Amino acid sequence: MAFTHTVTLHDGTAMPRLGMGTWHLAEGRRPAAQEIAALRAGLDAGITLIDTAEMYADGRAESLTGRAIAGYDRSRLFLVSKVYPHNAGRRHLRRSLEASLERLGTDYLDMYLLHWRGSIPLAETVACMEEAKADGLIRNWGVSNFDVDDMRELFAVPGGDACAVNQDLYHLGSRGVEFSLLDWMDAHGVPLMAYCPLAQAGSLRSGLLSSPAVREVARAHGVEPMQILLAFVLRRDDVIAIPCSGSADHVLANLRACDIELTAGELAALDDAFPSPTSKEPLDMQ
């Protein structure tokens, strides 16, 4: 199946299917200039979706993103940020949103996500999101780290069915979303944003890059194993991937993964090496 560059949200918005994640940016792991250059390399190559959060480096990732996008045509960008669960109510959501906008140097977000579930009732968060949307501060809103029961509860709340996306961890070695969540989301028109599609987090990458199956498929396509991991996630046209973007070379390598069409035999080999779950299991988060 040929790669489709966008997914259509419920309101008709075209959302890019490949973006740049900023988790672990602005933490001093690399020079800020290198990380800004990486984001700009992606923007110049046509990767216009950037995902960030008020949590990332205590807001510094948003500030770094703001520096990176300065001078670019805002109307061509798709900016996503996230609110802490404890800020996702009437007392704090608007203040958090306005602080994110200031750090990013923009007057609206294309997507604003509840980072994970907390103690604030979903109905209150939904009402705040809808108010921010009505006031033009966000174009759409969604959630993150929600499983199928969470999504059902959300859609039972007045206005909850306006949720545009759900962002969860998803890669070849962590396929929990495939058991029941993706089917539910497809039935309700909610795309998945896959974070850590290259298994960047924790020990979840263990065995992936050295897997004979992954390496054989990579050799067949003349690419690196990391590009096969990304192609695996992007094989579904209802999934958006936001790999981390710490270096320009990695960002451009991610873009080339869009040209990889995995064959049925290659997918079967990957599935045999890293099977999809056969029963419900908790979703990985890191």
Protein backbone atom coordinates (compact mmCIF):
# COMPACT_ATOMS: atom_id res chain seq x y z
CA MET A 1 0.00 0.00 0.00
CA ALA A 2 1.40 3.39 -0.99
CA PHE A 3 2.05 5.85 1.83
CA THR A 4 -0.68 8.45 2.29
CA HIS A 5 0.75 11.71 3.58
CA THR A 6 -2.25 12.86 5.61
CA VAL A 7 -5.14 11.48 7.61
CA THR A 8 -8.49 13.25 7.59
CA LEU A 9 -9.86 14.20 11.00
CA HIS A 10 -13.57 14.19 11.79
CA ASP A 11 -13.93 17.90 10.95
CA GLY A 12 -12.21 17.47 7.58
CA THR A 13 -8.79 18.71 8.71
CA ALA A 14 -5.87 17.04 6.94
CA MET A 15 -3.30 16.04 9.56
CA PRO A 16 0.21 14.98 8.46
CA ARG A 17 0.97 11.31 9.11
CA LEU A 18 4.67 11.86 9.83
CA GLY A 19 5.82 14.37 12.37
CA MET A 20 8.67 15.24 14.68
CA GLY A 21 8.52 14.50 18.39
CA THR A 22 10.27 16.65 20.98
CA TRP A 23 10.30 14.36 24.01
CA HIS A 24 13.82 14.55 25.54
CA LEU A 25 14.74 17.65 23.55
CA ALA A 26 15.96 20.74 25.42
CA GLU A 27 17.32 18.55 28.23
CA GLY A 28 20.98 19.28 27.56
CA ARG A 29 21.66 15.95 25.86
CA ARG A 30 22.73 17.79 22.71
CA PRO A 31 23.47 21.42 21.91
CA ALA A 32 20.26 23.41 21.47
CA ALA A 33 21.52 24.61 18.09
CA GLN A 34 21.74 21.00 16.89
CA GLU A 35 18.18 20.24 17.97
CA ILE A 36 16.85 23.42 16.38
CA ALA A 37 18.71 22.56 13.18
CA ALA A 38 17.14 19.09 13.22
CA LEU A 39 13.63 20.50 13.47
CA ARG A 40 14.34 23.01 10.73
CA ALA A 41 15.77 20.30 8.50
CA GLY A 42 12.50 18.44 8.87
CA LEU A 43 10.45 21.54 8.19
CA ASP A 44 12.50 22.32 5.10
CA ALA A 45 11.96 18.74 3.89
CA GLY A 46 8.19 19.04 4.33
CA ILE A 47 7.64 17.49 7.77
CA THR A 48 5.32 20.15 9.13
CA LEU A 49 3.88 18.35 12.19
CA ILE A 50 5.69 18.95 15.49
CA ASP A 51 4.53 17.34 18.74
CA THR A 52 5.50 18.74 22.13
CA ALA A 53 4.11 19.18 25.66
CA GLU A 54 4.26 21.48 28.64
CA MET A 55 5.83 18.54 30.53
CA TYR A 56 8.79 18.11 28.19
CA ALA A 57 11.85 19.64 29.86
CA ASP A 58 9.48 21.75 31.99
CA GLY A 59 8.35 23.75 28.97
CA ARG A 60 11.79 24.18 27.46
CA ALA A 61 10.93 21.82 24.59
CA GLU A 62 8.08 24.14 23.65
CA SER A 63 10.42 27.14 23.82
CA LEU A 64 12.99 25.34 21.65
CA THR A 65 10.26 24.45 19.19
CA GLY A 66 9.20 28.09 19.14
CA ARG A 67 12.73 29.11 18.23
CA ALA A 68 12.86 26.46 15.50
CA ILE A 69 9.63 27.51 13.80
CA ALA A 70 10.32 31.24 13.93
CA GLY A 71 10.21 32.64 10.41
CA TYR A 72 8.19 29.76 8.95
CA ASP A 73 4.69 30.21 7.56
CA ARG A 74 2.50 29.33 10.53
CA SER A 75 -0.42 28.35 8.32
CA ARG A 76 1.67 25.51 6.87
CA LEU A 77 2.61 24.07 10.28
CA PHE A 78 0.67 21.57 12.41
CA LEU A 79 1.55 22.16 16.07
CA VAL A 80 0.52 19.75 18.82
CA SER A 81 1.03 20.22 22.54
CA LYS A 82 -0.26 18.56 25.70
CA VAL A 83 -1.57 19.63 29.08
CA TYR A 84 -0.70 17.93 32.36
CA PRO A 85 -3.66 16.03 33.87
CA HIS A 86 -3.60 18.22 36.99
CA ASN A 87 -3.88 21.31 34.78
CA ALA A 88 -6.72 19.95 32.64
CA GLY A 89 -9.62 21.60 34.46
CA ARG A 90 -11.30 24.97 34.85
CA ARG A 91 -8.74 26.29 37.31
CA HIS A 92 -5.66 25.80 35.17
CA LEU A 93 -6.25 24.60 31.58
CA ARG A 94 -6.56 28.03 30.02
CA ARG A 95 -3.48 29.28 31.85
CA SER A 96 -1.48 26.21 30.77
CA LEU A 97 -2.63 26.61 27.19
CA GLU A 98 -1.74 30.29 27.06
CA ALA A 99 1.70 29.55 28.53
CA SER A 100 2.29 26.89 25.87
CA LEU A 101 1.24 29.31 23.14
CA GLU A 102 3.61 31.95 24.48
CA ARG A 103 6.54 29.54 24.59
CA LEU A 104 5.78 28.36 21.06
CA GLY A 105 5.35 31.89 19.76
CA THR A 106 1.96 31.23 18.21
CA ASP A 107 -1.62 32.26 18.88
CA TYR A 108 -3.22 28.84 18.33
CA LEU A 109 -2.53 25.11 18.40
CA ASP A 110 -3.68 22.75 15.70
CA MET A 111 -4.13 20.04 18.35
CA TYR A 112 -4.17 20.09 22.16
CA LEU A 113 -4.03 16.82 24.06
CA LEU A 114 -4.77 15.68 27.60
CA HIS A 115 -1.41 14.04 28.34
CA TRP A 116 -2.88 11.20 30.41
CA ARG A 117 -5.82 10.64 32.69
CA GLY A 118 -5.84 12.25 36.11
CA SER A 119 -8.33 13.08 38.83
CA ILE A 120 -10.14 15.88 37.00
CA PRO A 121 -13.43 14.59 35.53
CA LEU A 122 -13.35 14.04 31.79
CA ALA A 123 -16.51 16.11 31.40
CA GLU A 124 -14.71 19.13 32.86
CA THR A 125 -11.69 18.68 30.61
CA VAL A 126 -13.90 18.27 27.53
CA ALA A 127 -15.81 21.46 28.38
CA CYS A 128 -12.55 23.38 28.78
CA MET A 129 -11.21 22.03 25.50
CA GLU A 130 -14.39 23.00 23.68
CA GLU A 131 -14.26 26.50 25.15
CA ALA A 132 -10.66 26.91 24.01
CA LYS A 133 -11.68 25.71 20.56
CA ALA A 134 -14.61 28.14 20.42
CA ASP A 135 -12.24 30.97 21.38
CA GLY A 136 -9.85 30.07 18.55
CA LEU A 137 -6.94 29.03 20.77
CA ILE A 138 -7.00 25.47 19.47
CA ARG A 139 -8.29 23.95 16.23
CA ASN A 140 -8.85 20.44 17.62
CA TRP A 141 -8.29 18.50 20.82
CA GLY A 142 -7.57 14.91 21.75
CA VAL A 143 -6.13 12.64 24.40
CA SER A 144 -3.00 10.64 25.08
CA ASN A 145 -2.28 7.34 26.82
CA PHE A 146 -5.96 6.32 26.68
CA ASP A 147 -6.93 2.67 26.33
CA VAL A 148 -10.21 1.37 24.96
CA ASP A 149 -12.11 1.64 28.27
CA ASP A 150 -10.90 5.23 28.65
CA MET A 151 -12.07 6.06 25.13
CA ARG A 152 -15.49 4.54 25.78
CA GLU A 153 -15.82 6.61 28.93
CA LEU A 154 -14.70 9.73 27.09
CA PHE A 155 -17.25 9.24 24.30
CA ALA A 156 -20.01 8.82 26.90
CA VAL A 157 -19.31 12.37 28.16
CA PRO A 158 -21.21 15.23 26.47
CA GLY A 159 -18.97 16.48 23.69
CA GLY A 160 -16.46 13.68 24.21
CA ASP A 161 -16.99 12.39 20.69
CA ALA A 162 -15.26 15.55 19.42
CA CYS A 163 -11.96 13.93 20.41
CA ALA A 164 -9.86 14.08 17.24
CA VAL A 165 -6.92 11.77 18.04
CA ASN A 166 -5.51 9.48 20.71
CA GLN A 167 -1.74 9.37 21.19
CA ASP A 168 -0.28 6.11 22.52
CA LEU A 169 3.06 4.35 22.50
CA TYR A 170 3.21 2.00 19.51
CA HIS A 171 6.02 0.18 17.77
CA LEU A 172 6.90 -3.30 16.54
CA GLY A 173 7.92 -4.45 20.01
CA SER A 174 4.95 -2.87 21.79
CA ARG A 175 1.73 -3.74 20.01
CA GLY A 176 -0.85 -3.58 22.80
CA VAL A 177 -2.96 -1.04 20.89
CA GLU A 178 -3.65 -3.67 18.23
CA PHE A 179 -5.72 -5.99 20.43
CA SER A 180 -8.90 -3.92 20.78
CA LEU A 181 -8.06 -0.21 20.85
CA LEU A 182 -7.27 0.34 17.17
CA ASP A 183 -10.46 -1.40 16.04
CA TRP A 184 -12.53 0.76 18.41
CA MET A 185 -10.80 3.92 17.22
CA ASP A 186 -11.29 3.00 13.57
CA ALA A 187 -14.98 2.43 14.20
CA HIS A 188 -15.26 5.89 15.75
CA GLY A 189 -13.04 7.75 13.28
CA VAL A 190 -10.22 8.53 15.72
CA PRO A 191 -6.67 8.16 14.31
CA LEU A 192 -3.79 6.98 16.48
CA MET A 193 -0.75 9.17 17.06
CA ALA A 194 2.09 6.71 17.68
CA TYR A 195 4.76 8.03 19.98
CA CYS A 196 8.12 6.26 20.29
CA PRO A 197 7.53 4.43 16.96
CA LEU A 198 11.26 3.67 16.93
CA ALA A 199 11.10 2.30 20.49
CA GLN A 200 13.14 5.21 21.84
CA ALA A 201 11.90 4.81 25.39
CA GLY A 202 13.33 2.71 28.20
CA SER A 203 14.18 -0.93 27.47
CA LEU A 204 11.45 -1.43 24.88
CA ARG A 205 13.94 -1.34 22.01
CA SER A 206 15.61 -4.47 23.39
CA GLY A 207 16.08 -6.99 20.60
CA LEU A 208 14.45 -4.91 17.88
CA LEU A 209 17.49 -3.50 16.10
CA SER A 210 19.41 -6.76 16.38
CA SER A 211 16.47 -8.92 15.32
CA PRO A 212 17.36 -11.11 12.32
CA ALA A 213 13.87 -10.53 10.92
CA VAL A 214 14.17 -6.74 11.13
CA ARG A 215 17.71 -6.77 9.74
CA GLU A 216 16.76 -9.04 6.85
CA VAL A 217 13.87 -6.80 5.82
CA ALA A 218 16.14 -3.76 6.10
CA ARG A 219 18.73 -5.42 3.84
CA ALA A 220 16.04 -6.23 1.29
CA HIS A 221 15.12 -2.55 1.07
CA GLY A 222 18.66 -1.19 1.38
CA VAL A 223 17.81 0.79 4.52
CA GLU A 224 18.61 0.79 8.23
CA PRO A 225 16.61 -1.26 10.76
CA MET A 226 15.24 1.95 12.32
CA GLN A 227 13.57 2.81 9.03
CA ILE A 228 11.86 -0.58 8.97
CA LEU A 229 10.49 0.05 12.48
CA LEU A 230 8.99 3.31 11.27
CA ALA A 231 7.65 1.78 8.06
CA PHE A 232 5.96 -0.90 10.15
CA VAL A 233 4.00 1.69 12.14
CA LEU A 234 3.20 3.73 9.03
CA ARG A 235 1.89 0.68 7.16
CA ARG A 236 -1.57 1.51 8.53
CA ASP A 237 -3.18 4.57 6.97
CA ASP A 238 -4.96 5.39 10.25
CA VAL A 239 -1.72 5.96 12.19
CA ILE A 240 0.35 9.13 12.61
CA ALA A 241 3.96 8.66 13.74
CA ILE A 242 6.00 11.20 15.70
CA PRO A 243 9.56 9.86 16.09
CA CYS A 244 11.99 11.93 18.12
CA SER A 245 13.95 14.52 16.18
CA GLY A 246 17.32 15.08 17.83
CA SER A 247 19.49 15.21 14.70
CA ALA A 248 18.98 16.32 11.12
CA ASP A 249 20.28 13.03 9.75
CA HIS A 250 17.75 11.04 11.77
CA VAL A 251 14.89 13.32 10.77
CA LEU A 252 15.67 12.91 7.08
CA ALA A 253 16.10 9.16 7.49
CA ASN A 254 12.63 9.07 9.04
CA LEU A 255 11.23 10.81 5.97
CA ARG A 256 12.75 8.19 3.67
CA ALA A 257 10.88 5.47 5.60
CA CYS A 258 7.70 6.75 3.97
CA ASP A 259 8.88 5.26 0.66
CA ILE A 260 9.16 1.73 2.08
CA GLU A 261 6.31 -0.61 1.20
CA LEU A 262 6.56 -3.77 3.25
CA THR A 263 5.41 -6.91 1.47
CA ALA A 264 2.96 -9.40 2.93
CA GLY A 265 5.84 -11.82 3.42
CA GLU A 266 7.94 -9.22 5.22
CA LEU A 267 5.06 -8.29 7.50
CA ALA A 268 4.52 -11.97 8.26
CA ALA A 269 8.20 -12.34 9.20
CA LEU A 270 8.06 -9.31 11.49
CA ASP A 271 4.83 -10.53 13.02
CA ASP A 272 6.36 -13.93 13.67
CA ALA A 273 9.33 -12.33 15.42
CA PHE A 274 7.24 -9.80 17.40
CA PRO A 275 3.65 -11.10 17.57
CA SER A 276 0.61 -8.98 18.14
CA PRO A 277 -0.98 -9.71 21.55
CA THR A 278 -3.65 -12.40 21.74
CA SER A 279 -5.19 -11.03 24.94
CA LYS A 280 -5.69 -7.65 26.58
CA GLU A 281 -2.61 -6.23 28.22
CA PRO A 282 -1.76 -2.86 29.78
CA LEU A 283 -0.46 -0.32 27.28
CA ASP A 284 3.21 0.59 27.53
CA MET A 285 3.96 4.22 28.30
CA GLN A 286 7.77 4.38 28.28
